[in-house]
Structure formats: structure tokens, C-alpha cells
Amino acid sequence: MKSLLKAAVVAAIVAVPAASFAQVQTQQQPVTRAEVRAELAQLRAAGYDPNDWMHYPENIQAAEAKVEAQKAATAYGPSTNGTSQSSQ
């Protein structure tokens, strides 16, 4: 009885990560060429130079950070720096 319980526990431990891995793989879609080109254009606009291989890790990381900051700034719309009025 104990060996059956141990076998069931081991099978569950092995099956759970395999099932979660399969779910992650099915949710990801392949990237199209147009998406890759658009991302490269964004990185170039943010200052990335693909020909500058001497500073490769730093320059692409800096460009990616700029692109992400731009996306975060526009994710929720423009900021509202103004006054408000209340009617009394």
C-alpha cells in the first residue's frame, strides 16, 4: 500500500511540471517577419546600431529599455497635468 502511494506521489510530481510546460508552449505564437522588422525599426529609432558590434550588449539593452519606457508611458494614455473644477 505504501509503495502504491509513493508511486502515485512520484507520478504526480513528474506530471505537474510537464503539464505546465505544455501549456506555456501552446500559448506562444511564432513571430512573423513583419513583427521582427517592426521591432528592429523601433530599436533603431531608440538608438540601436546593429553595425556597432564593439558595444553590442550595452547598446541593444539601452535601446530595449528606451522602447519599453516609451511603451509604458503610452500604455495608459497621456498624463493629465491640469486643474480640476468642482461645481458648488
PDB file of N, CA and C in Angstrom:
ATOM      1  N   MET A   1       0.817  -1.182   0.000  1.00  0.00           N
ATOM      2  CA  MET A   1       0.000   0.000   0.000  1.00  0.00           C
ATOM      3  C   MET A   1       0.869   1.256   0.000  1.00  0.00           C
ATOM      4  N   LYS A   2       1.929   1.236   0.831  1.00  0.00           N
ATOM      5  CA  LYS A   2       2.805   2.391   0.895  1.00  0.00           C
ATOM      6  C   LYS A   2       3.531   2.612  -0.427  1.00  0.00           C
ATOM      7  N   SER A   3       3.918   1.544  -1.087  1.00  0.00           N
ATOM      8  CA  SER A   3       4.625   1.679  -2.363  1.00  0.00           C
ATOM      9  C   SER A   3       3.691   2.239  -3.443  1.00  0.00           C
ATOM     10  N   LEU A   4       2.410   1.889  -3.386  1.00  0.00           N
ATOM     11  CA  LEU A   4       1.437   2.423  -4.332  1.00  0.00           C
ATOM     12  C   LEU A   4       1.256   3.922  -4.112  1.00  0.00           C
ATOM     13  N   LEU A   5       1.215   4.330  -2.865  1.00  0.00           N
ATOM     14  CA  LEU A   5       1.085   5.753  -2.533  1.00  0.00           C
ATOM     15  C   LEU A   5       2.328   6.520  -2.980  1.00  0.00           C
ATOM     16  N   LYS A   6       3.498   5.956  -2.742  1.00  0.00           N
ATOM     17  CA  LYS A   6       4.740   6.605  -3.168  1.00  0.00           C
ATOM     18  C   LYS A   6       4.786   6.725  -4.691  1.00  0.00           C
ATOM     19  N   ALA A   7       4.356   5.692  -5.401  1.00  0.00           N
ATOM     20  CA  ALA A   7       4.355   5.723  -6.857  1.00  0.00           C
ATOM     21  C   ALA A   7       3.392   6.790  -7.376  1.00  0.00           C
ATOM     22  N   ALA A   8       2.251   6.930  -6.715  1.00  0.00           N
ATOM     23  CA  ALA A   8       1.279   7.945  -7.132  1.00  0.00           C
ATOM     24  C   ALA A   8       1.826   9.349  -6.900  1.00  0.00           C
ATOM     25  N   VAL A   9       2.492   9.554  -5.779  1.00  0.00           N
ATOM     26  CA  VAL A   9       3.071  10.860  -5.472  1.00  0.00           C
ATOM     27  C   VAL A   9       4.175  11.197  -6.467  1.00  0.00           C
ATOM     28  N   VAL A  10       5.028  10.259  -6.770  1.00  0.00           N
ATOM     29  CA  VAL A  10       6.110  10.487  -7.727  1.00  0.00           C
ATOM     30  C   VAL A  10       5.534  10.771  -9.113  1.00  0.00           C
ATOM     31  N   ALA A  11       4.516  10.049  -9.508  1.00  0.00           N
ATOM     32  CA  ALA A  11       3.891  10.281 -10.815  1.00  0.00           C
ATOM     33  C   ALA A  11       3.274  11.672 -10.882  1.00  0.00           C
ATOM     34  N   ALA A  12       2.653  12.117  -9.801  1.00  0.00           N
ATOM     35  CA  ALA A  12       2.059  13.452  -9.772  1.00  0.00           C
ATOM     36  C   ALA A  12       3.131  14.527  -9.845  1.00  0.00           C
ATOM     37  N   ILE A  13       4.228  14.322  -9.132  1.00  0.00           N
ATOM     38  CA  ILE A  13       5.319  15.298  -9.142  1.00  0.00           C
ATOM     39  C   ILE A  13       5.921  15.412 -10.533  1.00  0.00           C
ATOM     40  N   VAL A  14       6.027  14.314 -11.247  1.00  0.00           N
ATOM     41  CA  VAL A  14       6.583  14.329 -12.594  1.00  0.00           C
ATOM     42  C   VAL A  14       5.588  14.907 -13.593  1.00  0.00           C
ATOM     43  N   ALA A  15       4.307  14.654 -13.425  1.00  0.00           N
ATOM     44  CA  ALA A  15       3.295  15.075 -14.391  1.00  0.00           C
ATOM     45  C   ALA A  15       2.987  16.562 -14.316  1.00  0.00           C
ATOM     46  N   VAL A  16       3.020  17.169 -13.145  1.00  0.00           N
ATOM     47  CA  VAL A  16       2.633  18.572 -12.995  1.00  0.00           C
ATOM     48  C   VAL A  16       3.560  19.503 -13.778  1.00  0.00           C
ATOM     49  N   PRO A  17       4.885  19.411 -13.660  1.00  0.00           N
ATOM     50  CA  PRO A  17       5.725  20.297 -14.467  1.00  0.00           C
ATOM     51  C   PRO A  17       5.582  20.049 -15.965  1.00  0.00           C
ATOM     52  N   ALA A  18       5.385  18.825 -16.363  1.00  0.00           N
ATOM     53  CA  ALA A  18       5.228  18.525 -17.790  1.00  0.00           C
ATOM     54  C   ALA A  18       3.949  19.159 -18.326  1.00  0.00           C
ATOM     55  N   ALA A  19       2.881  19.135 -17.555  1.00  0.00           N
ATOM     56  CA  ALA A  19       1.621  19.735 -17.993  1.00  0.00           C
ATOM     57  C   ALA A  19       1.737  21.255 -18.057  1.00  0.00           C
ATOM     58  N   SER A  20       2.396  21.859 -17.094  1.00  0.00           N
ATOM     59  CA  SER A  20       2.534  23.314 -17.124  1.00  0.00           C
ATOM     60  C   SER A  20       3.452  23.754 -18.257  1.00  0.00           C
ATOM     61  N   PHE A  21       4.472  22.971 -18.572  1.00  0.00           N
ATOM     62  CA  PHE A  21       5.351  23.291 -19.698  1.00  0.00           C
ATOM     63  C   PHE A  21       4.582  23.224 -21.005  1.00  0.00           C
ATOM     64  N   ALA A  22       3.711  22.241 -21.147  1.00  0.00           N
ATOM     65  CA  ALA A  22       2.932  22.108 -22.373  1.00  0.00           C
ATOM     66  C   ALA A  22       1.992  23.293 -22.551  1.00  0.00           C
ATOM     67  N   GLN A  23       1.443  23.826 -21.467  1.00  0.00           N
ATOM     68  CA  GLN A  23       0.557  24.974 -21.563  1.00  0.00           C
ATOM     69  C   GLN A  23       1.313  26.214 -22.004  1.00  0.00           C
ATOM     70  N   VAL A  24       2.511  26.397 -21.507  1.00  0.00           N
ATOM     71  CA  VAL A  24       3.292  27.566 -21.875  1.00  0.00           C
ATOM     72  C   VAL A  24       3.638  27.519 -23.355  1.00  0.00           C
ATOM     73  N   GLN A  25       3.982  26.379 -23.862  1.00  0.00           N
ATOM     74  CA  GLN A  25       4.365  26.256 -25.258  1.00  0.00           C
ATOM     75  C   GLN A  25       3.186  26.500 -26.197  1.00  0.00           C
ATOM     76  N   THR A  26       1.983  26.115 -25.826  1.00  0.00           N
ATOM     77  CA  THR A  26       0.845  26.309 -26.708  1.00  0.00           C
ATOM     78  C   THR A  26       0.368  27.753 -26.730  1.00  0.00           C
ATOM     79  N   GLN A  27       0.675  28.547 -25.711  1.00  0.00           N
ATOM     80  CA  GLN A  27       0.224  29.927 -25.656  1.00  0.00           C
ATOM     81  C   GLN A  27       1.084  30.845 -26.512  1.00  0.00           C
ATOM     82  N   GLN A  28       2.303  30.493 -26.789  1.00  0.00           N
ATOM     83  CA  GLN A  28       3.196  31.347 -27.556  1.00  0.00           C
ATOM     84  C   GLN A  28       2.983  31.121 -29.049  1.00  0.00           C
ATOM     85  N   GLN A  29       2.837  32.222 -29.768  1.00  0.00           N
ATOM     86  CA  GLN A  29       2.666  32.156 -31.207  1.00  0.00           C
ATOM     87  C   GLN A  29       3.996  32.497 -31.874  1.00  0.00           C
ATOM     88  N   PRO A  30       4.262  31.954 -33.045  1.00  0.00           N
ATOM     89  CA  PRO A  30       5.502  32.307 -33.741  1.00  0.00           C
ATOM     90  C   PRO A  30       5.481  33.771 -34.164  1.00  0.00           C
ATOM     91  N   VAL A  31       6.640  34.370 -34.184  1.00  0.00           N
ATOM     92  CA  VAL A  31       6.767  35.777 -34.555  1.00  0.00           C
ATOM     93  C   VAL A  31       6.899  35.866 -36.070  1.00  0.00           C
ATOM     94  N   THR A  32       6.171  36.799 -36.666  1.00  0.00           N
ATOM     95  CA  THR A  32       6.227  36.960 -38.114  1.00  0.00           C
ATOM     96  C   THR A  32       7.407  37.854 -38.490  1.00  0.00           C
ATOM     97  N   ARG A  33       7.766  37.841 -39.759  1.00  0.00           N
ATOM     98  CA  ARG A  33       8.856  38.696 -40.237  1.00  0.00           C
ATOM     99  C   ARG A  33       8.500  40.167 -40.068  1.00  0.00           C
ATOM    100  N   ALA A  34       7.243  40.490 -40.302  1.00  0.00           N
ATOM    101  CA  ALA A  34       6.809  41.885 -40.164  1.00  0.00           C
ATOM    102  C   ALA A  34       6.972  42.360 -38.720  1.00  0.00           C
ATOM    103  N   GLU A  35       6.676  41.495 -37.758  1.00  0.00           N
ATOM    104  CA  GLU A  35       6.837  41.863 -36.347  1.00  0.00           C
ATOM    105  C   GLU A  35       8.304  42.058 -35.995  1.00  0.00           C
ATOM    106  N   VAL A  36       9.159  41.204 -36.529  1.00  0.00           N
ATOM    107  CA  VAL A  36      10.596  41.328 -36.270  1.00  0.00           C
ATOM    108  C   VAL A  36      11.128  42.616 -36.880  1.00  0.00           C
ATOM    109  N   ARG A  37      10.707  42.924 -38.098  1.00  0.00           N
ATOM    110  CA  ARG A  37      11.149  44.161 -38.746  1.00  0.00           C
ATOM    111  C   ARG A  37      10.648  45.384 -38.006  1.00  0.00           C
ATOM    112  N   ALA A  38       9.423  45.341 -37.516  1.00  0.00           N
ATOM    113  CA  ALA A  38       8.874  46.471 -36.763  1.00  0.00           C
ATOM    114  C   ALA A  38       9.641  46.668 -35.454  1.00  0.00           C
ATOM    115  N   GLU A  39       9.984  45.567 -34.789  1.00  0.00           N
ATOM    116  CA  GLU A  39      10.751  45.672 -33.548  1.00  0.00           C
ATOM    117  C   GLU A  39      12.146  46.227 -33.819  1.00  0.00           C
ATOM    118  N   LEU A  40      12.779  45.798 -34.896  1.00  0.00           N
ATOM    119  CA  LEU A  40      14.099  46.311 -35.252  1.00  0.00           C
ATOM    120  C   LEU A  40      14.029  47.797 -35.581  1.00  0.00           C
ATOM    121  N   ALA A  41      12.957  48.213 -36.255  1.00  0.00           N
ATOM    122  CA  ALA A  41      12.789  49.639 -36.560  1.00  0.00           C
ATOM    123  C   ALA A  41      12.616  50.453 -35.283  1.00  0.00           C
ATOM    124  N   GLN A  42      11.888  49.920 -34.311  1.00  0.00           N
ATOM    125  CA  GLN A  42      11.735  50.602 -33.027  1.00  0.00           C
ATOM    126  C   GLN A  42      13.077  50.714 -32.313  1.00  0.00           C
ATOM    127  N   LEU A  43      13.852  49.634 -32.332  1.00  0.00           N
ATOM    128  CA  LEU A  43      15.155  49.658 -31.666  1.00  0.00           C
ATOM    129  C   LEU A  43      16.104  50.646 -32.334  1.00  0.00           C
ATOM    130  N   ARG A  44      16.088  50.699 -33.674  1.00  0.00           N
ATOM    131  CA  ARG A  44      16.935  51.662 -34.386  1.00  0.00           C
ATOM    132  C   ARG A  44      16.516  53.092 -34.063  1.00  0.00           C
ATOM    133  N   ALA A  45      15.205  53.340 -33.977  1.00  0.00           N
ATOM    134  CA  ALA A  45      14.722  54.675 -33.637  1.00  0.00           C
ATOM    135  C   ALA A  45      15.128  55.058 -32.213  1.00  0.00           C
ATOM    136  N   ALA A  46      15.311  54.061 -31.348  1.00  0.00           N
ATOM    137  CA  ALA A  46      15.713  54.311 -29.970  1.00  0.00           C
ATOM    138  C   ALA A  46      17.228  54.417 -29.817  1.00  0.00           C
ATOM    139  N   GLY A  47      17.967  54.289 -30.928  1.00  0.00           N
ATOM    140  CA  GLY A  47      19.402  54.483 -30.870  1.00  0.00           C
ATOM    141  C   GLY A  47      20.255  53.246 -31.074  1.00  0.00           C
ATOM    142  N   TYR A  48      19.640  52.108 -31.349  1.00  0.00           N
ATOM    143  CA  TYR A  48      20.418  50.879 -31.565  1.00  0.00           C
ATOM    144  C   TYR A  48      21.045  50.892 -32.948  1.00  0.00           C
ATOM    145  N   ASP A  49      22.332  50.579 -33.007  1.00  0.00           N
ATOM    146  CA  ASP A  49      23.049  50.475 -34.278  1.00  0.00           C
ATOM    147  C   ASP A  49      23.532  49.035 -34.425  1.00  0.00           C
ATOM    148  N   PRO A  50      22.935  48.241 -35.328  1.00  0.00           N
ATOM    149  CA  PRO A  50      23.341  46.851 -35.459  1.00  0.00           C
ATOM    150  C   PRO A  50      24.766  46.677 -35.969  1.00  0.00           C
ATOM    151  N   ASN A  51      25.349  47.719 -36.555  1.00  0.00           N
ATOM    152  CA  ASN A  51      26.721  47.627 -37.049  1.00  0.00           C
ATOM    153  C   ASN A  51      27.757  47.909 -35.966  1.00  0.00           C
ATOM    154  N   ASP A  52      27.324  48.363 -34.803  1.00  0.00           N
ATOM    155  CA  ASP A  52      28.250  48.665 -33.702  1.00  0.00           C
ATOM    156  C   ASP A  52      28.422  47.414 -32.847  1.00  0.00           C
ATOM    157  N   TRP A  53      29.185  46.463 -33.330  1.00  0.00           N
ATOM    158  CA  TRP A  53      29.360  45.204 -32.619  1.00  0.00           C
ATOM    159  C   TRP A  53      30.337  45.312 -31.456  1.00  0.00           C
ATOM    160  N   MET A  54      31.072  46.410 -31.379  1.00  0.00           N
ATOM    161  CA  MET A  54      32.011  46.587 -30.263  1.00  0.00           C
ATOM    162  C   MET A  54      31.273  46.824 -28.935  1.00  0.00           C
ATOM    163  N   HIS A  55      30.084  47.401 -29.002  1.00  0.00           N
ATOM    164  CA  HIS A  55      29.305  47.706 -27.800  1.00  0.00           C
ATOM    165  C   HIS A  55      27.979  46.957 -27.813  1.00  0.00           C
ATOM    166  N   TYR A  56      27.995  45.745 -28.358  1.00  0.00           N
ATOM    167  CA  TYR A  56      26.761  45.013 -28.612  1.00  0.00           C
ATOM    168  C   TYR A  56      25.859  44.830 -27.399  1.00  0.00           C
ATOM    169  N   PRO A  57      26.270  44.265 -26.327  1.00  0.00           N
ATOM    170  CA  PRO A  57      25.258  44.033 -25.289  1.00  0.00           C
ATOM    171  C   PRO A  57      24.710  45.338 -24.712  1.00  0.00           C
ATOM    172  N   GLU A  58      25.572  46.325 -24.558  1.00  0.00           N
ATOM    173  CA  GLU A  58      25.131  47.560 -23.917  1.00  0.00           C
ATOM    174  C   GLU A  58      24.170  48.347 -24.803  1.00  0.00           C
ATOM    175  N   ASN A  59      24.488  48.469 -26.106  1.00  0.00           N
ATOM    176  CA  ASN A  59      23.663  49.337 -26.940  1.00  0.00           C
ATOM    177  C   ASN A  59      22.275  48.759 -27.210  1.00  0.00           C
ATOM    178  N   ILE A  60      22.156  47.458 -27.348  1.00  0.00           N
ATOM    179  CA  ILE A  60      20.814  46.908 -27.573  1.00  0.00           C
ATOM    180  C   ILE A  60      20.007  46.909 -26.282  1.00  0.00           C
ATOM    181  N   GLN A  61      20.659  46.706 -25.147  1.00  0.00           N
ATOM    182  CA  GLN A  61      19.938  46.755 -23.878  1.00  0.00           C
ATOM    183  C   GLN A  61      19.432  48.169 -23.590  1.00  0.00           C
ATOM    184  N   ALA A  62      20.231  49.158 -23.913  1.00  0.00           N
ATOM    185  CA  ALA A  62      19.805  50.543 -23.710  1.00  0.00           C
ATOM    186  C   ALA A  62      18.633  50.881 -24.631  1.00  0.00           C
ATOM    187  N   ALA A  63      18.691  50.435 -25.878  1.00  0.00           N
ATOM    188  CA  ALA A  63      17.599  50.693 -26.821  1.00  0.00           C
ATOM    189  C   ALA A  63      16.326  49.970 -26.390  1.00  0.00           C
ATOM    190  N   GLU A  64      16.461  48.729 -25.919  1.00  0.00           N
ATOM    191  CA  GLU A  64      15.295  47.998 -25.439  1.00  0.00           C
ATOM    192  C   GLU A  64      14.673  48.686 -24.238  1.00  0.00           C
ATOM    193  N   ALA A  65      15.502  49.216 -23.341  1.00  0.00           N
ATOM    194  CA  ALA A  65      14.982  49.938 -22.179  1.00  0.00           C
ATOM    195  C   ALA A  65      14.227  51.189 -22.614  1.00  0.00           C
ATOM    196  N   LYS A  66      14.730  51.895 -23.625  1.00  0.00           N
ATOM    197  CA  LYS A  66      14.039  53.087 -24.123  1.00  0.00           C
ATOM    198  C   LYS A  66      12.699  52.720 -24.744  1.00  0.00           C
ATOM    199  N   VAL A  67      12.673  51.649 -25.524  1.00  0.00           N
ATOM    200  CA  VAL A  67      11.426  51.220 -26.162  1.00  0.00           C
ATOM    201  C   VAL A  67      10.406  50.818 -25.105  1.00  0.00           C
ATOM    202  N   GLU A  68      10.843  50.073 -24.095  1.00  0.00           N
ATOM    203  CA  GLU A  68       9.929  49.657 -23.031  1.00  0.00           C
ATOM    204  C   GLU A  68       9.418  50.861 -22.242  1.00  0.00           C
ATOM    205  N   ALA A  69      10.278  51.854 -22.014  1.00  0.00           N
ATOM    206  CA  ALA A  69       9.853  53.057 -21.311  1.00  0.00           C
ATOM    207  C   ALA A  69       8.821  53.823 -22.134  1.00  0.00           C
ATOM    208  N   GLN A  70       9.006  53.864 -23.442  1.00  0.00           N
ATOM    209  CA  GLN A  70       8.031  54.527 -24.311  1.00  0.00           C
ATOM    210  C   GLN A  70       6.700  53.783 -24.297  1.00  0.00           C
ATOM    211  N   LYS A  71       6.759  52.456 -24.319  1.00  0.00           N
ATOM    212  CA  LYS A  71       5.530  51.667 -24.281  1.00  0.00           C
ATOM    213  C   LYS A  71       4.805  51.864 -22.950  1.00  0.00           C
ATOM    214  N   ALA A  72       5.570  51.917 -21.860  1.00  0.00           N
ATOM    215  CA  ALA A  72       4.958  52.104 -20.544  1.00  0.00           C
ATOM    216  C   ALA A  72       4.336  53.492 -20.423  1.00  0.00           C
ATOM    217  N   ALA A  73       4.962  54.485 -21.025  1.00  0.00           N
ATOM    218  CA  ALA A  73       4.445  55.849 -20.942  1.00  0.00           C
ATOM    219  C   ALA A  73       3.154  55.999 -21.721  1.00  0.00           C
ATOM    220  N   THR A  74       3.002  55.264 -22.807  1.00  0.00           N
ATOM    221  CA  THR A  74       1.805  55.393 -23.625  1.00  0.00           C
ATOM    222  C   THR A  74       0.783  54.302 -23.347  1.00  0.00           C
ATOM    223  N   ALA A  75       1.058  53.429 -22.411  1.00  0.00           N
ATOM    224  CA  ALA A  75       0.159  52.309 -22.161  1.00  0.00           C
ATOM    225  C   ALA A  75      -1.174  52.759 -21.570  1.00  0.00           C
ATOM    226  N   TYR A  76      -1.176  53.772 -20.774  1.00  0.00           N
ATOM    227  CA  TYR A  76      -2.394  54.201 -20.112  1.00  0.00           C
ATOM    228  C   TYR A  76      -2.867  55.561 -20.598  1.00  0.00           C
ATOM    229  N   GLY A  77      -2.386  56.014 -21.705  1.00  0.00           N
ATOM    230  CA  GLY A  77      -2.807  57.284 -22.246  1.00  0.00           C
ATOM    231  C   GLY A  77      -1.935  58.411 -21.752  1.00  0.00           C
ATOM    232  N   PRO A  78      -2.209  59.609 -22.207  1.00  0.00           N
ATOM    233  CA  PRO A  78      -1.366  60.745 -21.823  1.00  0.00           C
ATOM    234  C   PRO A  78      -1.593  61.117 -20.355  1.00  0.00           C
ATOM    235  N   SER A  79      -0.588  61.712 -19.789  1.00  0.00           N
ATOM    236  CA  SER A  79      -0.732  62.152 -18.406  1.00  0.00           C
ATOM    237  C   SER A  79      -1.611  63.387 -18.369  1.00  0.00           C
ATOM    238  N   THR A  80      -2.292  63.573 -17.277  1.00  0.00           N
ATOM    239  CA  THR A  80      -3.196  64.719 -17.130  1.00  0.00           C
ATOM    240  C   THR A  80      -2.629  65.642 -16.064  1.00  0.00           C
ATOM    241  N   ASN A  81      -1.919  66.642 -16.483  1.00  0.00           N
ATOM    242  CA  ASN A  81      -1.369  67.645 -15.581  1.00  0.00           C
ATOM    243  C   ASN A  81      -2.212  68.900 -15.743  1.00  0.00           C
ATOM    244  N   GLY A  82      -3.273  68.988 -15.017  1.00  0.00           N
ATOM    245  CA  GLY A  82      -4.139  70.153 -15.144  1.00  0.00           C
ATOM    246  C   GLY A  82      -4.866  70.412 -13.855  1.00  0.00           C
ATOM    247  N   THR A  83      -5.826  71.273 -13.941  1.00  0.00           N
ATOM    248  CA  THR A  83      -6.609  71.592 -12.762  1.00  0.00           C
ATOM    249  C   THR A  83      -7.992  70.971 -12.900  1.00  0.00           C
ATOM    250  N   SER A  84      -8.632  70.818 -11.812  1.00  0.00           N
ATOM    251  CA  SER A  84      -9.984  70.293 -11.838  1.00  0.00           C
ATOM    252  C   SER A  84     -10.937  71.318 -11.227  1.00  0.00           C
ATOM    253  N   GLN A  85     -12.158  71.272 -11.666  1.00  0.00           N
ATOM    254  CA  GLN A  85     -13.151  72.207 -11.159  1.00  0.00           C
ATOM    255  C   GLN A  85     -14.264  71.410 -10.512  1.00  0.00           C
ATOM    256  N   SER A  86     -14.814  71.973  -9.466  1.00  0.00           N
ATOM    257  CA  SER A  86     -15.972  71.348  -8.844  1.00  0.00           C
ATOM    258  C   SER A  86     -17.102  72.363  -8.832  1.00  0.00           C
ATOM    259  N   SER A  87     -18.261  71.880  -9.100  1.00  0.00           N
ATOM    260  CA  SER A  87     -19.415  72.791  -9.091  1.00  0.00           C
ATOM    261  C   SER A  87     -20.049  72.771  -7.715  1.00  0.00           C
ATOM    262  N   GLN A  88     -20.357  73.967  -7.227  1.00  0.00           N
ATOM    263  CA  GLN A  88     -20.976  74.057  -5.892  1.00  0.00           C
ATOM    264  C   GLN A  88     -22.288  74.757  -5.966  1.00  0.00           C
TER     265      GLN A  88
END
